[in-house]
């Protein structure tokens, strides 16, 4: 069985107040987990793949939409970046 471990040290959400950060981060985590469980992740089949930084600065988000939609958009963007890079995150085979 494959195991994927993700450590997101900092999720920077400029332009949102603190309460929005908490809700958006929660939604982001849930959606990214859902995407990884449902679709898996492309890898280069090496034992360890690491990405130091994923930049989604070009993602345009309307601050008037709800935190669930914002978290989902961020998670989808991060997930797409991980798959595009092929060297993505630590993967262990059991």
N, C-alpha and C. Protein backbone atom coordinates (compact mmCIF):
# COMPACT_ATOMS: atom_id res chain seq x y z
N UNK A 1 0.85 -1.19 0.00
CA UNK A 1 0.00 0.00 0.00
C UNK A 1 0.89 1.24 0.00
N UNK A 2 0.54 2.22 -0.78
CA UNK A 2 1.29 3.47 -0.84
C UNK A 2 0.78 4.43 0.22
N UNK A 3 1.70 5.20 0.76
CA UNK A 3 1.37 6.21 1.74
C UNK A 3 1.91 7.54 1.27
N UNK A 4 1.09 8.55 1.35
CA UNK A 4 1.50 9.90 0.96
C UNK A 4 1.50 10.75 2.22
N UNK A 5 2.60 11.43 2.46
CA UNK A 5 2.69 12.34 3.60
C UNK A 5 2.90 13.75 3.07
N UNK A 6 2.12 14.67 3.60
CA UNK A 6 2.25 16.07 3.21
C UNK A 6 2.47 16.89 4.47
N UNK A 7 3.45 17.77 4.41
CA UNK A 7 3.68 18.71 5.49
C UNK A 7 3.66 20.11 4.89
N UNK A 8 2.62 20.84 5.20
CA UNK A 8 2.50 22.21 4.72
C UNK A 8 2.89 23.11 5.89
N UNK A 9 4.10 23.65 5.81
CA UNK A 9 4.61 24.47 6.89
C UNK A 9 3.83 25.77 7.04
N UNK A 10 3.55 26.43 5.94
CA UNK A 10 2.85 27.71 5.98
C UNK A 10 1.91 27.82 4.78
N UNK A 11 0.68 28.15 5.06
CA UNK A 11 -0.29 28.46 4.01
C UNK A 11 -0.57 29.96 4.14
N UNK A 12 -0.04 30.74 3.21
CA UNK A 12 -0.15 32.19 3.28
C UNK A 12 -1.43 32.63 2.57
N UNK A 13 -2.27 33.33 3.31
CA UNK A 13 -3.54 33.82 2.77
C UNK A 13 -3.60 35.33 2.96
N UNK A 14 -2.93 36.04 2.10
CA UNK A 14 -2.92 37.51 2.18
C UNK A 14 -4.28 38.07 1.83
N UNK A 15 -4.70 39.08 2.57
CA UNK A 15 -5.93 39.80 2.25
C UNK A 15 -7.17 39.27 2.94
N UNK A 16 -7.03 38.25 3.77
CA UNK A 16 -8.18 37.70 4.50
C UNK A 16 -7.98 37.92 5.99
N UNK A 17 -9.08 38.10 6.74
CA UNK A 17 -8.91 38.28 8.19
C UNK A 17 -8.69 36.92 8.87
N UNK A 18 -8.28 36.96 10.12
CA UNK A 18 -7.88 35.75 10.85
C UNK A 18 -8.96 34.67 10.84
N UNK A 19 -10.19 35.03 11.09
CA UNK A 19 -11.27 34.04 11.14
C UNK A 19 -11.46 33.35 9.79
N UNK A 20 -11.28 34.10 8.72
CA UNK A 20 -11.35 33.50 7.39
C UNK A 20 -10.19 32.54 7.17
N UNK A 21 -9.01 32.86 7.69
CA UNK A 21 -7.84 31.97 7.57
C UNK A 21 -8.15 30.59 8.14
N UNK A 22 -8.76 30.57 9.32
CA UNK A 22 -9.06 29.30 9.99
C UNK A 22 -10.03 28.47 9.16
N UNK A 23 -11.09 29.08 8.69
CA UNK A 23 -12.10 28.36 7.90
C UNK A 23 -11.53 27.92 6.54
N UNK A 24 -10.81 28.81 5.88
CA UNK A 24 -10.24 28.49 4.57
C UNK A 24 -9.22 27.36 4.70
N UNK A 25 -8.38 27.43 5.72
CA UNK A 25 -7.38 26.38 5.93
C UNK A 25 -8.03 25.04 6.18
N UNK A 26 -9.08 25.02 6.97
CA UNK A 26 -9.81 23.78 7.24
C UNK A 26 -10.40 23.20 5.95
N UNK A 27 -11.04 24.04 5.16
CA UNK A 27 -11.62 23.59 3.89
C UNK A 27 -10.53 23.13 2.93
N UNK A 28 -9.41 23.84 2.90
CA UNK A 28 -8.27 23.47 2.06
C UNK A 28 -7.79 22.07 2.42
N UNK A 29 -7.57 21.82 3.70
CA UNK A 29 -7.10 20.51 4.15
C UNK A 29 -8.06 19.39 3.77
N UNK A 30 -9.34 19.62 3.98
CA UNK A 30 -10.35 18.60 3.65
C UNK A 30 -10.38 18.30 2.16
N UNK A 31 -10.34 19.34 1.34
CA UNK A 31 -10.42 19.14 -0.11
C UNK A 31 -9.15 18.50 -0.65
N UNK A 32 -7.98 18.91 -0.17
CA UNK A 32 -6.73 18.29 -0.63
C UNK A 32 -6.71 16.82 -0.24
N UNK A 33 -7.13 16.49 0.95
CA UNK A 33 -7.22 15.09 1.38
C UNK A 33 -8.16 14.31 0.45
N UNK A 34 -9.31 14.89 0.16
CA UNK A 34 -10.29 14.22 -0.71
C UNK A 34 -9.69 13.95 -2.09
N UNK A 35 -9.01 14.94 -2.66
CA UNK A 35 -8.40 14.78 -3.98
C UNK A 35 -7.33 13.70 -3.98
N UNK A 36 -6.50 13.66 -2.94
CA UNK A 36 -5.44 12.66 -2.87
C UNK A 36 -6.00 11.25 -2.71
N UNK A 37 -7.04 11.10 -1.89
CA UNK A 37 -7.66 9.79 -1.69
C UNK A 37 -8.35 9.33 -2.97
N UNK A 38 -9.06 10.23 -3.62
CA UNK A 38 -9.81 9.88 -4.82
C UNK A 38 -8.90 9.63 -6.03
N UNK A 39 -7.92 10.50 -6.25
CA UNK A 39 -7.15 10.48 -7.50
C UNK A 39 -5.70 10.04 -7.36
N UNK A 40 -5.19 9.98 -6.14
CA UNK A 40 -3.78 9.66 -5.97
C UNK A 40 -2.92 10.81 -6.44
N UNK A 41 -1.64 10.49 -6.72
CA UNK A 41 -0.70 11.52 -7.10
C UNK A 41 0.33 10.92 -8.04
N UNK A 42 0.62 11.63 -9.12
CA UNK A 42 1.68 11.19 -10.03
C UNK A 42 3.02 11.32 -9.32
N UNK A 43 3.87 10.31 -9.48
CA UNK A 43 5.23 10.38 -8.93
C UNK A 43 6.19 9.85 -9.98
N UNK A 44 7.47 10.01 -9.72
CA UNK A 44 8.47 9.47 -10.64
C UNK A 44 8.98 8.12 -10.17
N UNK A 45 8.23 7.47 -9.26
CA UNK A 45 8.53 6.14 -8.73
C UNK A 45 9.82 6.05 -7.93
N UNK A 46 10.42 7.16 -7.57
CA UNK A 46 11.55 7.10 -6.67
C UNK A 46 11.01 6.99 -5.24
N UNK A 47 11.87 6.64 -4.32
CA UNK A 47 11.40 6.40 -2.97
C UNK A 47 10.98 7.69 -2.26
N UNK A 48 11.62 8.79 -2.59
CA UNK A 48 11.30 10.05 -1.93
C UNK A 48 11.26 11.18 -2.96
N UNK A 49 10.18 11.89 -2.99
CA UNK A 49 10.02 13.05 -3.86
C UNK A 49 9.65 14.23 -2.97
N UNK A 50 10.32 15.36 -3.15
CA UNK A 50 10.07 16.51 -2.30
C UNK A 50 9.92 17.77 -3.13
N UNK A 51 8.94 18.58 -2.75
CA UNK A 51 8.76 19.91 -3.31
C UNK A 51 8.94 20.88 -2.15
N UNK A 52 9.83 21.83 -2.29
CA UNK A 52 10.08 22.78 -1.22
C UNK A 52 9.04 23.90 -1.18
N UNK A 53 8.51 24.27 -2.34
CA UNK A 53 7.63 25.43 -2.39
C UNK A 53 6.66 25.29 -3.55
N UNK A 54 5.41 25.58 -3.31
CA UNK A 54 4.40 25.63 -4.37
C UNK A 54 3.81 27.04 -4.33
N UNK A 55 3.87 27.71 -5.45
CA UNK A 55 3.42 29.08 -5.53
C UNK A 55 2.14 29.13 -6.36
N UNK A 56 1.06 29.61 -5.76
CA UNK A 56 -0.20 29.77 -6.49
C UNK A 56 -0.60 31.25 -6.53
N UNK A 57 0.39 32.12 -6.65
CA UNK A 57 0.14 33.56 -6.64
C UNK A 57 -0.76 34.02 -7.77
N UNK A 58 -0.75 33.32 -8.87
CA UNK A 58 -1.56 33.74 -10.01
C UNK A 58 -3.02 33.31 -9.89
N UNK A 59 -3.35 32.61 -8.84
CA UNK A 59 -4.72 32.18 -8.61
C UNK A 59 -5.55 33.40 -8.19
N UNK A 60 -6.60 33.67 -8.93
CA UNK A 60 -7.47 34.80 -8.63
C UNK A 60 -8.70 34.30 -7.89
N UNK A 61 -8.89 34.82 -6.69
CA UNK A 61 -10.01 34.40 -5.86
C UNK A 61 -10.84 35.62 -5.49
N UNK A 62 -12.13 35.51 -5.70
CA UNK A 62 -13.06 36.56 -5.31
C UNK A 62 -13.27 36.46 -3.80
N UNK A 63 -12.88 37.49 -3.06
CA UNK A 63 -13.00 37.47 -1.60
C UNK A 63 -14.46 37.44 -1.13
N UNK A 64 -15.41 37.63 -2.02
CA UNK A 64 -16.81 37.63 -1.64
C UNK A 64 -17.44 36.23 -1.66
N UNK A 65 -16.70 35.20 -2.13
CA UNK A 65 -17.25 33.84 -2.10
C UNK A 65 -16.97 33.22 -0.74
N UNK A 66 -17.63 32.11 -0.44
CA UNK A 66 -17.51 31.53 0.90
C UNK A 66 -16.18 30.80 1.10
N UNK A 67 -15.86 30.54 2.36
CA UNK A 67 -14.57 29.93 2.71
C UNK A 67 -14.43 28.53 2.13
N UNK A 68 -15.53 27.79 1.99
CA UNK A 68 -15.45 26.46 1.40
C UNK A 68 -14.98 26.54 -0.04
N UNK A 69 -15.54 27.46 -0.81
CA UNK A 69 -15.13 27.61 -2.21
C UNK A 69 -13.68 28.06 -2.34
N UNK A 70 -13.26 28.97 -1.47
CA UNK A 70 -11.88 29.44 -1.50
C UNK A 70 -10.93 28.30 -1.16
N UNK A 71 -11.22 27.56 -0.09
CA UNK A 71 -10.39 26.42 0.29
C UNK A 71 -10.32 25.37 -0.80
N UNK A 72 -11.45 25.12 -1.45
CA UNK A 72 -11.48 24.15 -2.55
C UNK A 72 -10.64 24.62 -3.74
N UNK A 73 -10.73 25.90 -4.08
CA UNK A 73 -9.93 26.43 -5.19
C UNK A 73 -8.43 26.32 -4.89
N UNK A 74 -8.04 26.67 -3.67
CA UNK A 74 -6.64 26.57 -3.28
C UNK A 74 -6.15 25.12 -3.32
N UNK A 75 -6.94 24.21 -2.79
CA UNK A 75 -6.55 22.79 -2.77
C UNK A 75 -6.41 22.24 -4.18
N UNK A 76 -7.34 22.58 -5.05
CA UNK A 76 -7.26 22.12 -6.44
C UNK A 76 -6.01 22.67 -7.13
N UNK A 77 -5.68 23.92 -6.87
CA UNK A 77 -4.49 24.51 -7.46
C UNK A 77 -3.22 23.84 -6.95
N UNK A 78 -3.13 23.59 -5.65
CA UNK A 78 -1.96 22.90 -5.08
C UNK A 78 -1.87 21.49 -5.63
N UNK A 79 -2.99 20.79 -5.69
CA UNK A 79 -3.02 19.42 -6.21
C UNK A 79 -2.53 19.39 -7.67
N UNK A 80 -3.01 20.30 -8.48
CA UNK A 80 -2.58 20.36 -9.88
C UNK A 80 -1.09 20.65 -9.99
N UNK A 81 -0.57 21.55 -9.14
CA UNK A 81 0.85 21.85 -9.12
C UNK A 81 1.67 20.62 -8.75
N UNK A 82 1.22 19.88 -7.75
CA UNK A 82 1.93 18.67 -7.34
C UNK A 82 2.00 17.67 -8.48
N UNK A 83 0.92 17.46 -9.17
CA UNK A 83 0.89 16.52 -10.28
C UNK A 83 1.72 17.01 -11.46
N UNK A 84 1.74 18.30 -11.68
CA UNK A 84 2.50 18.84 -12.81
C UNK A 84 4.00 18.71 -12.60
N UNK A 85 4.44 18.72 -11.35
CA UNK A 85 5.86 18.68 -11.06
C UNK A 85 6.44 17.27 -11.03
N UNK A 86 5.62 16.26 -10.93
CA UNK A 86 6.02 14.86 -10.82
C UNK A 86 6.91 14.58 -9.62
N UNK A 87 7.88 15.42 -9.31
CA UNK A 87 8.62 15.28 -8.06
C UNK A 87 7.79 16.04 -7.06
N UNK A 88 7.07 15.32 -6.22
CA UNK A 88 6.07 16.01 -5.47
C UNK A 88 6.25 15.94 -3.96
N UNK A 89 5.89 14.85 -3.38
CA UNK A 89 5.93 14.75 -1.93
C UNK A 89 6.50 13.42 -1.53
N UNK A 90 6.81 13.26 -0.28
CA UNK A 90 7.37 12.01 0.18
C UNK A 90 6.36 10.89 0.01
N UNK A 91 6.82 9.80 -0.57
CA UNK A 91 5.95 8.64 -0.77
C UNK A 91 6.68 7.41 -0.25
N UNK A 92 6.00 6.60 0.54
CA UNK A 92 6.58 5.35 1.03
C UNK A 92 5.71 4.20 0.56
N UNK A 93 6.35 3.13 0.16
CA UNK A 93 5.61 1.91 -0.17
C UNK A 93 5.76 0.94 0.99
N UNK A 94 4.64 0.40 1.44
CA UNK A 94 4.66 -0.59 2.54
C UNK A 94 4.57 -1.99 1.96
